[in-house]
């Protein structure tokens, strides 16, 4: 008996503060325009990597 792959919904980091800073990164979610545009086509693994690694690091650099 085989089971389908586990589904992991990774919600968007968007918080409704959609404003790009001079560095090209959104002031609300810390994504680039390319990342925002590609979000719906990213795999769960790509989204999780952004959410857990890339975005927190960007936020820390901007603080």
PDB file of N, CA and C in Angstrom:
ATOM      1  N   UNK A   1       0.850  -1.179   0.000  1.00  0.00           N
ATOM      2  CA  UNK A   1       0.000   0.000   0.000  1.00  0.00           C
ATOM      3  C   UNK A   1       0.890   1.235   0.000  1.00  0.00           C
ATOM      4  N   UNK A   2       0.679   2.110  -0.954  1.00  0.00           N
ATOM      5  CA  UNK A   2       1.483   3.339  -0.989  1.00  0.00           C
ATOM      6  C   UNK A   2       0.599   4.537  -0.656  1.00  0.00           C
ATOM      7  N   UNK A   3       1.233   5.517  -0.086  1.00  0.00           N
ATOM      8  CA  UNK A   3       0.528   6.738   0.301  1.00  0.00           C
ATOM      9  C   UNK A   3       1.014   7.890  -0.557  1.00  0.00           C
ATOM     10  N   UNK A   4       0.138   8.831  -0.837  1.00  0.00           N
ATOM     11  CA  UNK A   4       0.573   9.997  -1.613  1.00  0.00           C
ATOM     12  C   UNK A   4       1.573  10.810  -0.790  1.00  0.00           C
ATOM     13  N   UNK A   5       2.410  11.604  -1.456  1.00  0.00           N
ATOM     14  CA  UNK A   5       3.360  12.422  -0.710  1.00  0.00           C
ATOM     15  C   UNK A   5       2.630  13.361   0.240  1.00  0.00           C
ATOM     16  N   UNK A   6       3.246  13.621   1.371  1.00  0.00           N
ATOM     17  CA  UNK A   6       2.637  14.523   2.358  1.00  0.00           C
ATOM     18  C   UNK A   6       2.509  15.923   1.756  1.00  0.00           C
ATOM     19  N   UNK A   7       1.394  16.537   1.999  1.00  0.00           N
ATOM     20  CA  UNK A   7       1.148  17.887   1.502  1.00  0.00           C
ATOM     21  C   UNK A   7       1.491  18.873   2.610  1.00  0.00           C
ATOM     22  N   UNK A   8       2.335  19.816   2.300  1.00  0.00           N
ATOM     23  CA  UNK A   8       2.694  20.843   3.266  1.00  0.00           C
ATOM     24  C   UNK A   8       2.377  22.189   2.646  1.00  0.00           C
ATOM     25  N   UNK A   9       1.357  22.824   3.117  1.00  0.00           N
ATOM     26  CA  UNK A   9       1.014  24.143   2.603  1.00  0.00           C
ATOM     27  C   UNK A   9       1.918  25.169   3.261  1.00  0.00           C
ATOM     28  N   UNK A  10       2.653  25.903   2.449  1.00  0.00           N
ATOM     29  CA  UNK A  10       3.513  26.961   2.954  1.00  0.00           C
ATOM     30  C   UNK A  10       2.856  28.275   2.577  1.00  0.00           C
ATOM     31  N   UNK A  11       2.332  28.949   3.579  1.00  0.00           N
ATOM     32  CA  UNK A  11       1.614  30.189   3.328  1.00  0.00           C
ATOM     33  C   UNK A  11       2.565  31.306   2.952  1.00  0.00           C
ATOM     34  N   UNK A  12       2.050  32.266   2.231  1.00  0.00           N
ATOM     35  CA  UNK A  12       2.836  33.425   1.815  1.00  0.00           C
ATOM     36  C   UNK A  12       3.252  34.247   3.036  1.00  0.00           C
ATOM     37  N   UNK A  13       4.461  34.801   3.003  1.00  0.00           N
ATOM     38  CA  UNK A  13       4.903  35.656   4.102  1.00  0.00           C
ATOM     39  C   UNK A  13       4.344  37.079   4.013  1.00  0.00           C
ATOM     40  N   UNK A  14       3.527  37.348   3.003  1.00  0.00           N
ATOM     41  CA  UNK A  14       2.973  38.685   2.808  1.00  0.00           C
ATOM     42  C   UNK A  14       2.156  39.120   4.030  1.00  0.00           C
ATOM     43  N   UNK A  15       2.439  40.339   4.504  1.00  0.00           N
ATOM     44  CA  UNK A  15       1.688  40.886   5.641  1.00  0.00           C
ATOM     45  C   UNK A  15       0.894  42.123   5.230  1.00  0.00           C
ATOM     46  N   UNK A  16       0.797  42.361   3.915  1.00  0.00           N
ATOM     47  CA  UNK A  16      -0.001  43.472   3.416  1.00  0.00           C
ATOM     48  C   UNK A  16       0.710  44.815   3.441  1.00  0.00           C
ATOM     49  N   UNK A  17       2.013  44.832   3.691  1.00  0.00           N
ATOM     50  CA  UNK A  17       2.806  46.055   3.642  1.00  0.00           C
ATOM     51  C   UNK A  17       3.653  45.950   2.378  1.00  0.00           C
ATOM     52  N   UNK A  18       3.038  46.266   1.258  1.00  0.00           N
ATOM     53  CA  UNK A  18       3.682  46.034  -0.035  1.00  0.00           C
ATOM     54  C   UNK A  18       4.369  47.305  -0.518  1.00  0.00           C
ATOM     55  N   UNK A  19       5.615  47.457  -0.127  1.00  0.00           N
ATOM     56  CA  UNK A  19       6.391  48.632  -0.479  1.00  0.00           C
ATOM     57  C   UNK A  19       7.836  48.200  -0.655  1.00  0.00           C
ATOM     58  N   UNK A  20       8.393  48.474  -1.842  1.00  0.00           N
ATOM     59  CA  UNK A  20       9.770  48.081  -2.090  1.00  0.00           C
ATOM     60  C   UNK A  20      10.721  49.141  -1.566  1.00  0.00           C
ATOM     61  N   UNK A  21      11.746  48.681  -0.855  1.00  0.00           N
ATOM     62  CA  UNK A  21      12.782  49.572  -0.385  1.00  0.00           C
ATOM     63  C   UNK A  21      13.753  49.874  -1.509  1.00  0.00           C
ATOM     64  N   UNK A  22      14.699  50.768  -1.268  1.00  0.00           N
ATOM     65  CA  UNK A  22      15.693  51.135  -2.266  1.00  0.00           C
ATOM     66  C   UNK A  22      16.545  49.936  -2.686  1.00  0.00           C
ATOM     67  N   UNK A  23      16.617  48.934  -1.814  1.00  0.00           N
ATOM     68  CA  UNK A  23      17.394  47.729  -2.111  1.00  0.00           C
ATOM     69  C   UNK A  23      16.615  46.705  -2.929  1.00  0.00           C
ATOM     70  N   UNK A  24      15.370  47.028  -3.314  1.00  0.00           N
ATOM     71  CA  UNK A  24      14.561  46.129  -4.130  1.00  0.00           C
ATOM     72  C   UNK A  24      13.889  45.019  -3.353  1.00  0.00           C
ATOM     73  N   UNK A  25      13.857  45.158  -2.032  1.00  0.00           N
ATOM     74  CA  UNK A  25      13.247  44.145  -1.169  1.00  0.00           C
ATOM     75  C   UNK A  25      12.006  44.732  -0.504  1.00  0.00           C
ATOM     76  N   UNK A  26      10.944  43.949  -0.461  1.00  0.00           N
ATOM     77  CA  UNK A  26       9.685  44.404   0.133  1.00  0.00           C
ATOM     78  C   UNK A  26       9.888  44.709   1.618  1.00  0.00           C
ATOM     79  N   UNK A  27       9.392  45.861   2.050  1.00  0.00           N
ATOM     80  CA  UNK A  27       9.501  46.258   3.454  1.00  0.00           C
ATOM     81  C   UNK A  27       8.661  45.367   4.369  1.00  0.00           C
ATOM     82  N   UNK A  28       7.633  44.729   3.831  1.00  0.00           N
ATOM     83  CA  UNK A  28       6.764  43.887   4.651  1.00  0.00           C
ATOM     84  C   UNK A  28       7.242  42.454   4.772  1.00  0.00           C
ATOM     85  N   UNK A  29       7.471  41.792   3.642  1.00  0.00           N
ATOM     86  CA  UNK A  29       7.784  40.353   3.673  1.00  0.00           C
ATOM     87  C   UNK A  29       9.253  40.028   3.421  1.00  0.00           C
ATOM     88  N   UNK A  30      10.029  41.010   3.013  1.00  0.00           N
ATOM     89  CA  UNK A  30      11.468  40.860   2.768  1.00  0.00           C
ATOM     90  C   UNK A  30      11.804  39.996   1.552  1.00  0.00           C
ATOM     91  N   UNK A  31      10.829  39.857   0.638  1.00  0.00           N
ATOM     92  CA  UNK A  31      11.098  39.129  -0.607  1.00  0.00           C
ATOM     93  C   UNK A  31      11.457  40.113  -1.711  1.00  0.00           C
ATOM     94  N   UNK A  32      12.173  39.613  -2.724  1.00  0.00           N
ATOM     95  CA  UNK A  32      12.445  40.399  -3.918  1.00  0.00           C
ATOM     96  C   UNK A  32      11.211  40.337  -4.819  1.00  0.00           C
ATOM     97  N   UNK A  33      11.175  41.201  -5.820  1.00  0.00           N
ATOM     98  CA  UNK A  33      10.062  41.181  -6.776  1.00  0.00           C
ATOM     99  C   UNK A  33      10.006  39.819  -7.470  1.00  0.00           C
ATOM    100  N   UNK A  34      11.155  39.283  -7.830  1.00  0.00           N
ATOM    101  CA  UNK A  34      11.196  37.979  -8.511  1.00  0.00           C
ATOM    102  C   UNK A  34      10.643  36.872  -7.608  1.00  0.00           C
ATOM    103  N   UNK A  35      10.977  36.907  -6.329  1.00  0.00           N
ATOM    104  CA  UNK A  35      10.467  35.893  -5.396  1.00  0.00           C
ATOM    105  C   UNK A  35       8.961  36.017  -5.213  1.00  0.00           C
ATOM    106  N   UNK A  36       8.477  37.252  -5.148  1.00  0.00           N
ATOM    107  CA  UNK A  36       7.037  37.472  -5.020  1.00  0.00           C
ATOM    108  C   UNK A  36       6.314  36.936  -6.252  1.00  0.00           C
ATOM    109  N   UNK A  37       6.837  37.259  -7.422  1.00  0.00           N
ATOM    110  CA  UNK A  37       6.199  36.836  -8.677  1.00  0.00           C
ATOM    111  C   UNK A  37       6.226  35.319  -8.845  1.00  0.00           C
ATOM    112  N   UNK A  38       7.275  34.674  -8.364  1.00  0.00           N
ATOM    113  CA  UNK A  38       7.446  33.239  -8.543  1.00  0.00           C
ATOM    114  C   UNK A  38       6.852  32.398  -7.426  1.00  0.00           C
ATOM    115  N   UNK A  39       6.354  33.012  -6.378  1.00  0.00           N
ATOM    116  CA  UNK A  39       5.896  32.288  -5.189  1.00  0.00           C
ATOM    117  C   UNK A  39       4.951  31.138  -5.528  1.00  0.00           C
ATOM    118  N   UNK A  40       3.964  31.378  -6.362  1.00  0.00           N
ATOM    119  CA  UNK A  40       2.964  30.334  -6.648  1.00  0.00           C
ATOM    120  C   UNK A  40       3.541  29.170  -7.447  1.00  0.00           C
ATOM    121  N   UNK A  41       4.677  29.349  -8.108  1.00  0.00           N
ATOM    122  CA  UNK A  41       5.294  28.271  -8.868  1.00  0.00           C
ATOM    123  C   UNK A  41       6.399  27.560  -8.082  1.00  0.00           C
ATOM    124  N   UNK A  42       6.766  28.085  -6.914  1.00  0.00           N
ATOM    125  CA  UNK A  42       7.833  27.461  -6.115  1.00  0.00           C
ATOM    126  C   UNK A  42       7.352  26.159  -5.485  1.00  0.00           C
ATOM    127  N   UNK A  43       8.296  25.253  -5.298  1.00  0.00           N
ATOM    128  CA  UNK A  43       7.982  24.019  -4.578  1.00  0.00           C
ATOM    129  C   UNK A  43       7.895  24.334  -3.084  1.00  0.00           C
ATOM    130  N   UNK A  44       7.322  23.409  -2.323  1.00  0.00           N
ATOM    131  CA  UNK A  44       7.269  23.583  -0.873  1.00  0.00           C
ATOM    132  C   UNK A  44       8.663  23.738  -0.286  1.00  0.00           C
ATOM    133  N   UNK A  45       9.622  22.970  -0.811  1.00  0.00           N
ATOM    134  CA  UNK A  45      10.989  23.054  -0.296  1.00  0.00           C
ATOM    135  C   UNK A  45      11.595  24.433  -0.542  1.00  0.00           C
ATOM    136  N   UNK A  46      11.353  25.002  -1.724  1.00  0.00           N
ATOM    137  CA  UNK A  46      11.854  26.349  -2.012  1.00  0.00           C
ATOM    138  C   UNK A  46      11.211  27.377  -1.083  1.00  0.00           C
ATOM    139  N   UNK A  47       9.911  27.262  -0.898  1.00  0.00           N
ATOM    140  CA  UNK A  47       9.204  28.201  -0.019  1.00  0.00           C
ATOM    141  C   UNK A  47       9.703  28.097   1.421  1.00  0.00           C
ATOM    142  N   UNK A  48       9.859  26.866   1.899  1.00  0.00           N
ATOM    143  CA  UNK A  48      10.352  26.673   3.263  1.00  0.00           C
ATOM    144  C   UNK A  48      11.762  27.236   3.436  1.00  0.00           C
ATOM    145  N   UNK A  49      12.603  27.046   2.441  1.00  0.00           N
ATOM    146  CA  UNK A  49      13.956  27.595   2.506  1.00  0.00           C
ATOM    147  C   UNK A  49      13.906  29.119   2.629  1.00  0.00           C
ATOM    148  N   UNK A  50      13.071  29.751   1.832  1.00  0.00           N
ATOM    149  CA  UNK A  50      12.919  31.205   1.927  1.00  0.00           C
ATOM    150  C   UNK A  50      12.400  31.614   3.298  1.00  0.00           C
ATOM    151  N   UNK A  51      11.346  30.948   3.746  1.00  0.00           N
ATOM    152  CA  UNK A  51      10.704  31.310   5.012  1.00  0.00           C
ATOM    153  C   UNK A  51      11.610  31.089   6.223  1.00  0.00           C
ATOM    154  N   UNK A  52      12.385  30.010   6.212  1.00  0.00           N
ATOM    155  CA  UNK A  52      13.163  29.637   7.390  1.00  0.00           C
ATOM    156  C   UNK A  52      14.592  30.163   7.382  1.00  0.00           C
ATOM    157  N   UNK A  53      15.130  30.474   6.204  1.00  0.00           N
ATOM    158  CA  UNK A  53      16.535  30.858   6.118  1.00  0.00           C
ATOM    159  C   UNK A  53      16.738  32.249   5.512  1.00  0.00           C
ATOM    160  N   UNK A  54      16.276  32.421   4.284  1.00  0.00           N
ATOM    161  CA  UNK A  54      16.572  33.644   3.540  1.00  0.00           C
ATOM    162  C   UNK A  54      15.881  34.870   4.136  1.00  0.00           C
ATOM    163  N   UNK A  55      14.580  34.791   4.344  1.00  0.00           N
ATOM    164  CA  UNK A  55      13.844  35.972   4.809  1.00  0.00           C
ATOM    165  C   UNK A  55      14.261  36.413   6.217  1.00  0.00           C
ATOM    166  N   UNK A  56      14.443  35.501   7.172  1.00  0.00           N
ATOM    167  CA  UNK A  56      14.926  35.949   8.486  1.00  0.00           C
ATOM    168  C   UNK A  56      16.308  36.623   8.426  1.00  0.00           C
ATOM    169  N   UNK A  57      17.183  36.106   7.554  1.00  0.00           N
ATOM    170  CA  UNK A  57      18.512  36.711   7.413  1.00  0.00           C
ATOM    171  C   UNK A  57      18.410  38.119   6.817  1.00  0.00           C
ATOM    172  N   UNK A  58      17.541  38.291   5.824  1.00  0.00           N
ATOM    173  CA  UNK A  58      17.343  39.629   5.238  1.00  0.00           C
ATOM    174  C   UNK A  58      16.765  40.592   6.267  1.00  0.00           C
ATOM    175  N   UNK A  59      15.790  40.117   7.019  1.00  0.00           N
ATOM    176  CA  UNK A  59      15.173  40.959   8.033  1.00  0.00           C
ATOM    177  C   UNK A  59      16.213  41.401   9.066  1.00  0.00           C
ATOM    178  N   UNK A  60      17.080  40.500   9.470  1.00  0.00           N
ATOM    179  CA  UNK A  60      18.121  40.830  10.451  1.00  0.00           C
ATOM    180  C   UNK A  60      19.095  41.862   9.907  1.00  0.00           C
ATOM    181  N   UNK A  61      19.436  41.760   8.620  1.00  0.00           N
ATOM    182  CA  UNK A  61      20.350  42.721   8.017  1.00  0.00           C
ATOM    183  C   UNK A  61      19.738  44.115   7.920  1.00  0.00           C
ATOM    184  N   UNK A  62      18.430  44.178   7.772  1.00  0.00           N
ATOM    185  CA  UNK A  62      17.753  45.463   7.596  1.00  0.00           C
ATOM    186  C   UNK A  62      17.402  46.117   8.935  1.00  0.00           C
ATOM    187  N   UNK A  63      17.519  45.379  10.014  1.00  0.00           N
ATOM    188  CA  UNK A  63      17.125  45.921  11.335  1.00  0.00           C
ATOM    189  C   UNK A  63      18.137  46.911  11.865  1.00  0.00           C
TER     190      UNK A  63
END
